[in-house]
């Protein structure tokens, strides 16, 4: 019986998926099963998964796309282990990520555990750290989640007991975006998390992320805002932060006009500093600046580099 069921939703990213699965299958000192939930791929993804020839890997194939939340729920339903972990098909894990989270859960008796992350980008044949910050404490995360996604590194950060998922429900498949934020809020209301305060996840920035669904993201944020209004005592979510993040994503995709609208949205929600950011879009170097590495605390960077430098460099994507 595996200790952890690892759920990997994927769609048409077979080369990136191969790289991610290498990190998952390289987890140390933990028995795992890997459930690859293929969300209607048309690029030969099933053949890539089968070619691994690893009995720990199971393919859950869907012939049409229903979104990553639905795909993850298929994985949860098929999971055999007492613990479930999630990783998207372009994320990377440190080799001791799951072991350290299981140990943290045991020592604190927590039913779910998160960890920290960095952003990485492939440049000149290596993975370069281009962003990331130390994670917040469990108390801070629980307090902030009703207002903003305090676990912004995505599903790859979290390990959760299957029994807790059964109690609170899985991902909301009706949300096309921010379905992880919705689940973290429900988990945080049911049980206090534990944390492994180290950068054990690398979120990979690549060209296949160029599509930014602005309207869908804002619609999902509105749904979450309304759904959990009582937890905030009627106060709003961090709308300025939502718009700033959208602006950054649009800039990385080279979309100045949507980025401008997003910054103006942040201004409408009280972030006057975004006026300067909006004005900066008139500069010819605005898009290039969005691709520049952000400052990372030296100790956090060093801890991430200790394992990222050993990760084989996959496709640039």
Foldseek 3Di string as FASTA:
>chain_A
DFAEEEEEEDAAPQQLLLLAVVQVVLAPPGGYAYEYQYQQHDNCNVVSQVVVVDPSYDYRYDNHHLAPQVSRVVSLVPDDHQKYAYDYSNKHFFNHLVVVQVVQCVVVVFQKEFEFAFEWADDPQATDTQGTEWADFLVVCLLQLLFDNSRVVDRRGMMGGSVLCVVQPGFDSVQNPPSVSVVVNSSSVVTGYHYDGAHGMYHYDALVLLDQDVVSLVVNQVVSQVVCCVVVVNDGHQLLVSLCVSLLSNLLSVNLVSSLVSLVSSVVVPPPVSVVVSVCSVDPCNSVVSPGGDDYDVVRVVRVCVRRRVRRDTDND
